[in-house]
Amino acid sequence: MPAPTAVTATTISSDPQSYEDEHVHAVYDEIAPHFSSTRYKPWPIIARFISSIPAGWVGLDSGTGNGKYLPLPLDRPGEIWTVGMDRSRNLLSIARKAGEGDVVREVVWGDVLGNPWRNGSFDYTISIATIHHLATSARRKAAVQRLIQSVSPSHGRGLIYVWAIEQDGLSKRSIPSEGTEDDTQNPGQDVFVPWVLASQSPKAKPKARSKGNEDRLPEQNEISKPPGEAAEGEPQPKVFNRYYHMFAKGELAALLYEAAESLGLEVGPKPTDQITT
């Protein structure tokens, strides 16, 4: 069994934007082709969400990466249309051609903290493995607010996924257990997750995940060489450290409630239209 990926704790050492520019945006632009070659299969839980979207709806994939969710649902091609947005131009160039055939996907170069859309422009939105790259709680909250504002207030749907501190027994990651300076305000853990850039992009697709392991984030299932390890006679691979905020249990839900309430929204079951006398 491969050794766990060496995740290390980190501290934000500069202003958040500069820190993300160095440890997130610059990294993904550098590793884009190799990263995309290992991220070709949609995560089933996301595919099921997109399959539930009614025909004719238009959505936003905020932090689309290589655009693997843009062609979905595969069994209803063309019934819905998802616009992809990302900070990495190199990943967006890949996302434009995501899926089979000659369809050119609609992609936008932008930041998840930006507000380029009119409120309520989309029917649905997804943000998968993106918000955890923001370096402060305030920035993560702002990103959630942008997602809420982007969808229709009457019927909009949204789905957000992030990496968590809690890992199951099948995870290849070992998460540092040290707490933060103030766990009541920032209960998660800031870490570096290395990306080992191979000398050549993989020629074959990775093996399928084991049975019963289909609904875990793709990167939680990746098997990569420990940093600095190379076969005899091969050049040493280059290692890039990507910044992540690993969410503690309940932290994302609390963030969603806080973001919604700060926009003046009520959080809870949708009220019925019945009139009682």
C-alpha atoms as a PDB file:
ATOM      1  CA  MET A   1       0.000   0.000   0.000  1.00  0.00           C
ATOM      2  CA  PRO A   2       1.433   3.443  -0.904  1.00  0.00           C
ATOM      3  CA  ALA A   3       2.595   5.715   1.877  1.00  0.00           C
ATOM      4  CA  PRO A   4       0.206   8.516   2.900  1.00  0.00           C
ATOM      5  CA  THR A   5       0.641  11.803   1.082  1.00  0.00           C
ATOM      6  CA  ALA A   6       2.762  14.107   3.227  1.00  0.00           C
ATOM      7  CA  VAL A   7       0.341  16.832   4.285  1.00  0.00           C
ATOM      8  CA  THR A   8       1.992  19.481   6.456  1.00  0.00           C
ATOM      9  CA  ALA A   9       0.554  22.264   8.601  1.00  0.00           C
ATOM     10  CA  THR A  10       1.160  25.825   7.453  1.00  0.00           C
ATOM     11  CA  THR A  11       0.539  29.403   8.564  1.00  0.00           C
ATOM     12  CA  ILE A  12      -0.604  32.256   6.316  1.00  0.00           C
ATOM     13  CA  SER A  13       2.633  34.240   6.005  1.00  0.00           C
ATOM     14  CA  SER A  14       1.501  37.174   3.843  1.00  0.00           C
ATOM     15  CA  ASP A  15      -1.690  38.943   2.860  1.00  0.00           C
ATOM     16  CA  PRO A  16      -4.285  36.341   1.826  1.00  0.00           C
ATOM     17  CA  GLN A  17      -4.456  37.335  -1.834  1.00  0.00           C
ATOM     18  CA  SER A  18      -0.674  37.146  -2.307  1.00  0.00           C
ATOM     19  CA  TYR A  19      -0.579  33.860  -0.418  1.00  0.00           C
ATOM     20  CA  GLU A  20      -3.250  32.328  -2.670  1.00  0.00           C
ATOM     21  CA  ASP A  21      -1.545  33.717  -5.772  1.00  0.00           C
ATOM     22  CA  GLU A  22       1.678  31.924  -4.812  1.00  0.00           C
ATOM     23  CA  HIS A  23       0.379  28.713  -3.280  1.00  0.00           C
ATOM     24  CA  VAL A  24      -2.809  28.113  -5.291  1.00  0.00           C
ATOM     25  CA  HIS A  25      -3.136  30.009  -8.587  1.00  0.00           C
ATOM     26  CA  ALA A  26       0.495  29.825  -9.717  1.00  0.00           C
ATOM     27  CA  VAL A  27       0.639  26.136  -8.800  1.00  0.00           C
ATOM     28  CA  TYR A  28      -2.449  25.119 -10.771  1.00  0.00           C
ATOM     29  CA  ASP A  29      -1.296  27.039 -13.841  1.00  0.00           C
ATOM     30  CA  GLU A  30       2.022  25.170 -13.648  1.00  0.00           C
ATOM     31  CA  ILE A  31       0.600  21.677 -13.141  1.00  0.00           C
ATOM     32  CA  ALA A  32      -2.560  22.097 -15.287  1.00  0.00           C
ATOM     33  CA  PRO A  33      -1.921  19.406 -17.970  1.00  0.00           C
ATOM     34  CA  HIS A  34      -0.680  16.799 -15.467  1.00  0.00           C
ATOM     35  CA  PHE A  35      -3.450  17.648 -12.995  1.00  0.00           C
ATOM     36  CA  SER A  36      -6.124  17.379 -15.692  1.00  0.00           C
ATOM     37  CA  SER A  37      -4.835  14.014 -16.892  1.00  0.00           C
ATOM     38  CA  THR A  38      -5.584  12.570 -13.441  1.00  0.00           C
ATOM     39  CA  ARG A  39      -8.964  14.295 -13.029  1.00  0.00           C
ATOM     40  CA  TYR A  40     -11.014  12.941 -15.909  1.00  0.00           C
ATOM     41  CA  LYS A  41     -13.778  11.065 -14.040  1.00  0.00           C
ATOM     42  CA  PRO A  42     -16.697  13.017 -12.466  1.00  0.00           C
ATOM     43  CA  TRP A  43     -17.412  12.246  -8.838  1.00  0.00           C
ATOM     44  CA  PRO A  44     -20.703  10.253  -8.760  1.00  0.00           C
ATOM     45  CA  ILE A  45     -22.412  12.368  -6.102  1.00  0.00           C
ATOM     46  CA  ILE A  46     -21.866  15.504  -8.191  1.00  0.00           C
ATOM     47  CA  ALA A  47     -23.050  13.713 -11.328  1.00  0.00           C
ATOM     48  CA  ARG A  48     -26.265  12.700  -9.535  1.00  0.00           C
ATOM     49  CA  PHE A  49     -26.907  16.289  -8.465  1.00  0.00           C
ATOM     50  CA  ILE A  50     -26.448  17.570 -12.011  1.00  0.00           C
ATOM     51  CA  SER A  51     -28.656  14.768 -13.364  1.00  0.00           C
ATOM     52  CA  SER A  52     -31.473  16.041 -11.116  1.00  0.00           C
ATOM     53  CA  ILE A  53     -31.435  19.486 -12.766  1.00  0.00           C
ATOM     54  CA  PRO A  54     -34.527  20.182 -14.948  1.00  0.00           C
ATOM     55  CA  ALA A  55     -34.097  20.605 -18.679  1.00  0.00           C
ATOM     56  CA  GLY A  56     -33.501  24.151 -19.856  1.00  0.00           C
ATOM     57  CA  TRP A  57     -31.682  25.340 -16.742  1.00  0.00           C
ATOM     58  CA  VAL A  58     -28.377  27.222 -16.891  1.00  0.00           C
ATOM     59  CA  GLY A  59     -25.792  26.835 -14.143  1.00  0.00           C
ATOM     60  CA  LEU A  60     -22.390  27.913 -12.869  1.00  0.00           C
ATOM     61  CA  ASP A  61     -19.416  25.708 -11.982  1.00  0.00           C
ATOM     62  CA  SER A  62     -17.367  28.043  -9.775  1.00  0.00           C
ATOM     63  CA  GLY A  63     -13.797  26.749  -9.779  1.00  0.00           C
ATOM     64  CA  THR A  64     -14.365  24.457 -12.740  1.00  0.00           C
ATOM     65  CA  GLY A  65     -10.739  23.339 -13.157  1.00  0.00           C
ATOM     66  CA  ASN A  66     -10.483  21.159 -16.261  1.00  0.00           C
ATOM     67  CA  GLY A  67     -14.257  21.312 -16.746  1.00  0.00           C
ATOM     68  CA  LYS A  68     -15.051  17.654 -16.206  1.00  0.00           C
ATOM     69  CA  TYR A  69     -18.553  18.527 -14.913  1.00  0.00           C
ATOM     70  CA  LEU A  70     -19.437  20.833 -17.816  1.00  0.00           C
ATOM     71  CA  PRO A  71     -20.628  18.060 -20.219  1.00  0.00           C
ATOM     72  CA  LEU A  72     -22.982  16.484 -17.653  1.00  0.00           C
ATOM     73  CA  PRO A  73     -25.472  14.898 -17.630  1.00  0.00           C
ATOM     74  CA  LEU A  74     -24.135  12.494 -20.252  1.00  0.00           C
ATOM     75  CA  ASP A  75     -27.490  10.745 -20.666  1.00  0.00           C
ATOM     76  CA  ARG A  76     -29.234  14.064 -21.489  1.00  0.00           C
ATOM     77  CA  PRO A  77     -26.735  15.939 -23.651  1.00  0.00           C
ATOM     78  CA  GLY A  78     -27.637  19.558 -24.324  1.00  0.00           C
ATOM     79  CA  GLU A  79     -30.624  19.652 -21.966  1.00  0.00           C
ATOM     80  CA  ILE A  80     -28.855  21.934 -19.484  1.00  0.00           C
ATOM     81  CA  TRP A  81     -25.878  24.256 -19.874  1.00  0.00           C
ATOM     82  CA  THR A  82     -23.170  24.825 -17.267  1.00  0.00           C
ATOM     83  CA  VAL A  83     -20.799  27.790 -17.466  1.00  0.00           C
ATOM     84  CA  GLY A  84     -17.341  27.148 -16.012  1.00  0.00           C
ATOM     85  CA  MET A  85     -15.323  29.790 -14.156  1.00  0.00           C
ATOM     86  CA  ASP A  86     -11.744  29.456 -12.904  1.00  0.00           C
ATOM     87  CA  ARG A  87      -8.643  31.520 -12.088  1.00  0.00           C
ATOM     88  CA  SER A  88      -6.315  29.224 -14.033  1.00  0.00           C
ATOM     89  CA  ARG A  89      -6.174  30.136 -17.707  1.00  0.00           C
ATOM     90  CA  ASN A  90      -4.299  26.912 -18.435  1.00  0.00           C
ATOM     91  CA  LEU A  91      -7.046  24.786 -16.900  1.00  0.00           C
ATOM     92  CA  LEU A  92      -9.725  26.827 -18.676  1.00  0.00           C
ATOM     93  CA  SER A  93      -8.097  26.116 -22.032  1.00  0.00           C
ATOM     94  CA  ILE A  94      -8.582  22.426 -21.241  1.00  0.00           C
ATOM     95  CA  ALA A  95     -12.114  22.960 -19.911  1.00  0.00           C
ATOM     96  CA  ARG A  96     -13.237  24.533 -23.202  1.00  0.00           C
ATOM     97  CA  LYS A  97     -12.892  21.137 -24.877  1.00  0.00           C
ATOM     98  CA  ALA A  98     -14.191  19.007 -22.000  1.00  0.00           C
ATOM     99  CA  GLY A  99     -16.171  15.937 -22.988  1.00  0.00           C
ATOM    100  CA  GLU A 100     -16.591  14.040 -26.224  1.00  0.00           C
ATOM    101  CA  GLY A 101     -17.122  15.553 -29.648  1.00  0.00           C
ATOM    102  CA  ASP A 102     -16.434  19.057 -30.878  1.00  0.00           C
ATOM    103  CA  VAL A 103     -18.609  20.970 -28.414  1.00  0.00           C
ATOM    104  CA  VAL A 104     -16.899  24.115 -27.131  1.00  0.00           C
ATOM    105  CA  ARG A 105     -17.787  24.760 -23.503  1.00  0.00           C
ATOM    106  CA  GLU A 106     -18.632  28.200 -22.149  1.00  0.00           C
ATOM    107  CA  VAL A 107     -15.858  29.206 -19.753  1.00  0.00           C
ATOM    108  CA  VAL A 108     -14.997  32.480 -18.012  1.00  0.00           C
ATOM    109  CA  TRP A 109     -11.727  33.575 -16.487  1.00  0.00           C
ATOM    110  CA  GLY A 110     -12.663  34.879 -13.050  1.00  0.00           C
ATOM    111  CA  ASP A 111     -12.331  34.693  -9.299  1.00  0.00           C
ATOM    112  CA  VAL A 112     -14.778  33.014  -6.926  1.00  0.00           C
ATOM    113  CA  LEU A 113     -14.679  36.218  -4.853  1.00  0.00           C
ATOM    114  CA  GLY A 114     -15.712  38.346  -7.817  1.00  0.00           C
ATOM    115  CA  ASN A 115     -19.275  39.314  -8.626  1.00  0.00           C
ATOM    116  CA  PRO A 116     -19.462  39.422 -12.438  1.00  0.00           C
ATOM    117  CA  TRP A 117     -23.064  38.217 -12.681  1.00  0.00           C
ATOM    118  CA  ARG A 118     -26.393  39.881 -12.050  1.00  0.00           C
ATOM    119  CA  ASN A 119     -27.950  38.427  -8.902  1.00  0.00           C
ATOM    120  CA  GLY A 120     -30.051  35.384  -9.687  1.00  0.00           C
ATOM    121  CA  SER A 121     -28.508  34.848 -13.140  1.00  0.00           C
ATOM    122  CA  PHE A 122     -28.256  31.059 -12.760  1.00  0.00           C
ATOM    123  CA  ASP A 123     -30.665  28.268 -11.922  1.00  0.00           C
ATOM    124  CA  TYR A 124     -28.039  26.187 -10.136  1.00  0.00           C
ATOM    125  CA  THR A 125     -24.411  26.343  -9.057  1.00  0.00           C
ATOM    126  CA  ILE A 126     -21.703  23.938  -7.957  1.00  0.00           C
ATOM    127  CA  SER A 127     -18.349  24.610  -6.327  1.00  0.00           C
ATOM    128  CA  ILE A 128     -16.290  21.470  -5.958  1.00  0.00           C
ATOM    129  CA  ALA A 129     -12.938  21.406  -4.122  1.00  0.00           C
ATOM    130  CA  THR A 130     -12.465  25.158  -4.527  1.00  0.00           C
ATOM    131  CA  ILE A 131     -13.475  27.177  -1.464  1.00  0.00           C
ATOM    132  CA  HIS A 132     -10.913  25.340   0.675  1.00  0.00           C
ATOM    133  CA  HIS A 133      -8.190  27.145  -1.312  1.00  0.00           C
ATOM    134  CA  LEU A 134      -9.196  30.512   0.217  1.00  0.00           C
ATOM    135  CA  ALA A 135      -6.879  31.562   3.020  1.00  0.00           C
ATOM    136  CA  THR A 136      -9.229  33.176   5.562  1.00  0.00           C
ATOM    137  CA  SER A 137     -12.659  32.486   6.980  1.00  0.00           C
ATOM    138  CA  ALA A 138     -13.882  35.886   5.734  1.00  0.00           C
ATOM    139  CA  ARG A 139     -12.827  35.076   2.166  1.00  0.00           C
ATOM    140  CA  ARG A 140     -14.469  31.645   2.313  1.00  0.00           C
ATOM    141  CA  LYS A 141     -17.673  33.271   3.596  1.00  0.00           C
ATOM    142  CA  ALA A 142     -17.568  35.837   0.780  1.00  0.00           C
ATOM    143  CA  ALA A 143     -17.194  33.049  -1.805  1.00  0.00           C
ATOM    144  CA  VAL A 144     -20.274  31.283  -0.404  1.00  0.00           C
ATOM    145  CA  GLN A 145     -22.198  34.556  -0.537  1.00  0.00           C
ATOM    146  CA  ARG A 146     -21.300  34.946  -4.230  1.00  0.00           C
ATOM    147  CA  LEU A 147     -22.653  31.460  -4.908  1.00  0.00           C
ATOM    148  CA  ILE A 148     -25.902  32.207  -3.081  1.00  0.00           C
ATOM    149  CA  GLN A 149     -26.315  35.513  -4.919  1.00  0.00           C
ATOM    150  CA  SER A 150     -25.674  33.909  -8.302  1.00  0.00           C
ATOM    151  CA  VAL A 151     -28.726  31.617  -8.251  1.00  0.00           C
ATOM    152  CA  SER A 152     -32.426  32.337  -8.590  1.00  0.00           C
ATOM    153  CA  PRO A 153     -33.999  33.269  -5.225  1.00  0.00           C
ATOM    154  CA  SER A 154     -37.157  31.350  -6.136  1.00  0.00           C
ATOM    155  CA  HIS A 155     -35.824  27.997  -7.329  1.00  0.00           C
ATOM    156  CA  GLY A 156     -32.007  28.102  -7.267  1.00  0.00           C
ATOM    157  CA  ARG A 157     -30.019  25.056  -6.185  1.00  0.00           C
ATOM    158  CA  GLY A 158     -26.415  24.791  -5.068  1.00  0.00           C
ATOM    159  CA  LEU A 159     -23.836  22.188  -4.102  1.00  0.00           C
ATOM    160  CA  ILE A 160     -20.496  22.833  -2.364  1.00  0.00           C
ATOM    161  CA  TYR A 161     -17.811  20.288  -1.508  1.00  0.00           C
ATOM    162  CA  VAL A 162     -14.548  20.839   0.362  1.00  0.00           C
ATOM    163  CA  TRP A 163     -11.818  18.729   1.908  1.00  0.00           C
ATOM    164  CA  ALA A 164     -12.284  17.715   5.540  1.00  0.00           C
ATOM    165  CA  ILE A 165      -9.942  17.069   8.442  1.00  0.00           C
ATOM    166  CA  GLU A 166     -11.807  13.858   9.206  1.00  0.00           C
ATOM    167  CA  GLN A 167     -10.537  11.168   6.840  1.00  0.00           C
ATOM    168  CA  ASP A 168     -11.797   7.607   6.603  1.00  0.00           C
ATOM    169  CA  GLY A 169      -9.596   4.540   6.759  1.00  0.00           C
ATOM    170  CA  LEU A 170      -9.191   4.381   2.962  1.00  0.00           C
ATOM    171  CA  SER A 171      -7.727   7.866   2.674  1.00  0.00           C
ATOM    172  CA  LYS A 172      -4.141   8.194   1.468  1.00  0.00           C
ATOM    173  CA  ARG A 173      -3.727  11.404   3.448  1.00  0.00           C
ATOM    174  CA  SER A 174      -2.396  11.981   6.926  1.00  0.00           C
ATOM    175  CA  ILE A 175      -3.781  15.268   8.286  1.00  0.00           C
ATOM    176  CA  PRO A 176      -1.830  17.150  10.995  1.00  0.00           C
ATOM    177  CA  SER A 177      -3.670  17.050  14.299  1.00  0.00           C
ATOM    178  CA  GLU A 178      -2.386  20.309  15.731  1.00  0.00           C
ATOM    179  CA  GLY A 179      -5.143  22.769  16.599  1.00  0.00           C
ATOM    180  CA  THR A 180      -5.239  26.374  15.507  1.00  0.00           C
ATOM    181  CA  GLU A 181      -4.562  29.305  17.801  1.00  0.00           C
ATOM    182  CA  ASP A 182      -8.293  29.897  18.244  1.00  0.00           C
ATOM    183  CA  ASP A 183     -10.310  26.821  17.408  1.00  0.00           C
ATOM    184  CA  THR A 184     -13.610  28.522  18.225  1.00  0.00           C
ATOM    185  CA  GLN A 185     -13.072  31.027  15.400  1.00  0.00           C
ATOM    186  CA  ASN A 186     -11.160  28.857  12.938  1.00  0.00           C
ATOM    187  CA  PRO A 187     -11.781  25.196  13.754  1.00  0.00           C
ATOM    188  CA  GLY A 188     -10.218  23.805  10.601  1.00  0.00           C
ATOM    189  CA  GLN A 189      -6.578  23.211   9.753  1.00  0.00           C
ATOM    190  CA  ASP A 190      -4.432  25.143   7.256  1.00  0.00           C
ATOM    191  CA  VAL A 191      -2.126  22.776   5.389  1.00  0.00           C
ATOM    192  CA  PHE A 192       0.108  22.273   2.381  1.00  0.00           C
ATOM    193  CA  VAL A 193      -0.763  19.317   0.144  1.00  0.00           C
ATOM    194  CA  PRO A 194       2.070  18.435  -2.258  1.00  0.00           C
ATOM    195  CA  TRP A 195       1.604  17.770  -5.943  1.00  0.00           C
ATOM    196  CA  VAL A 196       4.384  15.650  -7.411  1.00  0.00           C
ATOM    197  CA  LEU A 197       4.821  16.731 -11.019  1.00  0.00           C
ATOM    198  CA  ALA A 198       5.952  13.741 -13.044  1.00  0.00           C
ATOM    199  CA  SER A 199       8.519  14.234 -15.799  1.00  0.00           C
ATOM    200  CA  GLN A 200       5.829  13.170 -18.279  1.00  0.00           C
ATOM    201  CA  SER A 201       2.061  13.190 -18.068  1.00  0.00           C
ATOM    202  CA  PRO A 202       0.579   9.752 -17.342  1.00  0.00           C
ATOM    203  CA  LYS A 203       0.031   7.760 -20.532  1.00  0.00           C
ATOM    204  CA  ALA A 204      -2.678   5.582 -19.066  1.00  0.00           C
ATOM    205  CA  LYS A 205      -5.695   6.407 -16.979  1.00  0.00           C
ATOM    206  CA  PRO A 206      -5.386   5.472 -13.301  1.00  0.00           C
ATOM    207  CA  LYS A 207      -7.041   2.324 -12.064  1.00  0.00           C
ATOM    208  CA  ALA A 208     -10.648   2.458 -10.924  1.00  0.00           C
ATOM    209  CA  ARG A 209     -11.259   3.091  -7.246  1.00  0.00           C
ATOM    210  CA  SER A 210     -12.126   0.152  -5.057  1.00  0.00           C
ATOM    211  CA  LYS A 211     -15.738  -0.899  -4.590  1.00  0.00           C
ATOM    212  CA  GLY A 212     -17.523   1.070  -1.913  1.00  0.00           C
ATOM    213  CA  ASN A 213     -15.157   3.991  -2.405  1.00  0.00           C
ATOM    214  CA  GLU A 214     -16.940   5.709  -5.302  1.00  0.00           C
ATOM    215  CA  ASP A 215     -18.389   8.668  -3.402  1.00  0.00           C
ATOM    216  CA  ARG A 216     -15.195  10.168  -2.068  1.00  0.00           C
ATOM    217  CA  LEU A 217     -13.462  13.211  -3.470  1.00  0.00           C
ATOM    218  CA  PRO A 218     -11.187  12.189  -6.350  1.00  0.00           C
ATOM    219  CA  GLU A 219      -8.092  13.693  -4.744  1.00  0.00           C
ATOM    220  CA  GLN A 220      -8.773  11.742  -1.562  1.00  0.00           C
ATOM    221  CA  ASN A 221      -8.302   8.579  -3.608  1.00  0.00           C
ATOM    222  CA  GLU A 222      -5.212   9.589  -5.523  1.00  0.00           C
ATOM    223  CA  ILE A 223      -2.078   7.527  -5.141  1.00  0.00           C
ATOM    224  CA  SER A 224       1.044   9.577  -5.669  1.00  0.00           C
ATOM    225  CA  LYS A 225       4.716   9.071  -4.986  1.00  0.00           C
ATOM    226  CA  PRO A 226       6.044  10.522  -1.745  1.00  0.00           C
ATOM    227  CA  PRO A 227       7.677  13.913  -2.469  1.00  0.00           C
ATOM    228  CA  GLY A 228      11.197  13.582  -3.865  1.00  0.00           C
ATOM    229  CA  GLU A 229      10.897   9.879  -4.715  1.00  0.00           C
ATOM    230  CA  ALA A 230      11.976   8.839  -8.213  1.00  0.00           C
ATOM    231  CA  ALA A 231      12.799   5.555  -9.854  1.00  0.00           C
ATOM    232  CA  GLU A 232      16.452   4.764 -10.435  1.00  0.00           C
ATOM    233  CA  GLY A 233      17.785   6.682 -13.417  1.00  0.00           C
ATOM    234  CA  GLU A 234      14.817   9.086 -13.543  1.00  0.00           C
ATOM    235  CA  PRO A 235      15.139  12.824 -12.802  1.00  0.00           C
ATOM    236  CA  GLN A 236      13.805  14.016  -9.468  1.00  0.00           C
ATOM    237  CA  PRO A 237      10.163  15.112  -9.878  1.00  0.00           C
ATOM    238  CA  LYS A 238       9.245  18.687  -9.020  1.00  0.00           C
ATOM    239  CA  VAL A 239       7.014  19.130  -5.974  1.00  0.00           C
ATOM    240  CA  PHE A 240       4.475  21.948  -5.639  1.00  0.00           C
ATOM    241  CA  ASN A 241       2.816  22.724  -2.307  1.00  0.00           C
ATOM    242  CA  ARG A 242      -0.846  23.647  -2.662  1.00  0.00           C
ATOM    243  CA  TYR A 243      -2.589  25.544   0.148  1.00  0.00           C
ATOM    244  CA  TYR A 244      -5.765  24.032   1.614  1.00  0.00           C
ATOM    245  CA  HIS A 245      -8.006  24.873   4.531  1.00  0.00           C
ATOM    246  CA  MET A 246      -9.159  21.471   5.761  1.00  0.00           C
ATOM    247  CA  PHE A 247     -12.658  21.903   7.190  1.00  0.00           C
ATOM    248  CA  ALA A 248     -13.593  20.576  10.610  1.00  0.00           C
ATOM    249  CA  LYS A 249     -16.865  18.725  11.145  1.00  0.00           C
ATOM    250  CA  GLY A 250     -19.768  21.173  11.020  1.00  0.00           C
ATOM    251  CA  GLU A 251     -17.611  24.079   9.851  1.00  0.00           C
ATOM    252  CA  LEU A 252     -18.959  24.215   6.296  1.00  0.00           C
ATOM    253  CA  ALA A 253     -22.580  24.093   7.462  1.00  0.00           C
ATOM    254  CA  ALA A 254     -21.919  26.925   9.924  1.00  0.00           C
ATOM    255  CA  LEU A 255     -20.257  28.935   7.160  1.00  0.00           C
ATOM    256  CA  LEU A 256     -23.269  28.449   4.867  1.00  0.00           C
ATOM    257  CA  TYR A 257     -25.700  29.579   7.567  1.00  0.00           C
ATOM    258  CA  GLU A 258     -23.586  32.622   8.402  1.00  0.00           C
ATOM    259  CA  ALA A 259     -23.224  33.606   4.747  1.00  0.00           C
ATOM    260  CA  ALA A 260     -26.952  33.280   4.077  1.00  0.00           C
ATOM    261  CA  GLU A 261     -28.035  35.147   7.192  1.00  0.00           C
ATOM    262  CA  SER A 262     -25.604  37.999   6.472  1.00  0.00           C
ATOM    263  CA  LEU A 263     -27.420  38.435   3.136  1.00  0.00           C
ATOM    264  CA  GLY A 264     -30.706  38.778   4.998  1.00  0.00           C
ATOM    265  CA  LEU A 265     -31.915  35.310   4.063  1.00  0.00           C
ATOM    266  CA  GLU A 266     -33.842  32.940   6.285  1.00  0.00           C
ATOM    267  CA  VAL A 267     -32.319  29.497   6.645  1.00  0.00           C
ATOM    268  CA  GLY A 268     -34.705  26.600   7.046  1.00  0.00           C
ATOM    269  CA  PRO A 269     -37.473  24.651   5.312  1.00  0.00           C
ATOM    270  CA  LYS A 270     -39.105  26.368   2.377  1.00  0.00           C
ATOM    271  CA  PRO A 271     -42.443  27.868   3.528  1.00  0.00           C
ATOM    272  CA  THR A 272     -45.611  26.446   2.034  1.00  0.00           C
ATOM    273  CA  ASP A 273     -48.052  28.502   0.011  1.00  0.00           C
ATOM    274  CA  GLN A 274     -51.033  27.162   1.930  1.00  0.00           C
ATOM    275  CA  ILE A 275     -53.275  29.702   3.632  1.00  0.00           C
ATOM    276  CA  THR A 276     -54.796  28.667   6.914  1.00  0.00           C
ATOM    277  CA  THR A 277     -57.969  30.174   8.324  1.00  0.00           C
END
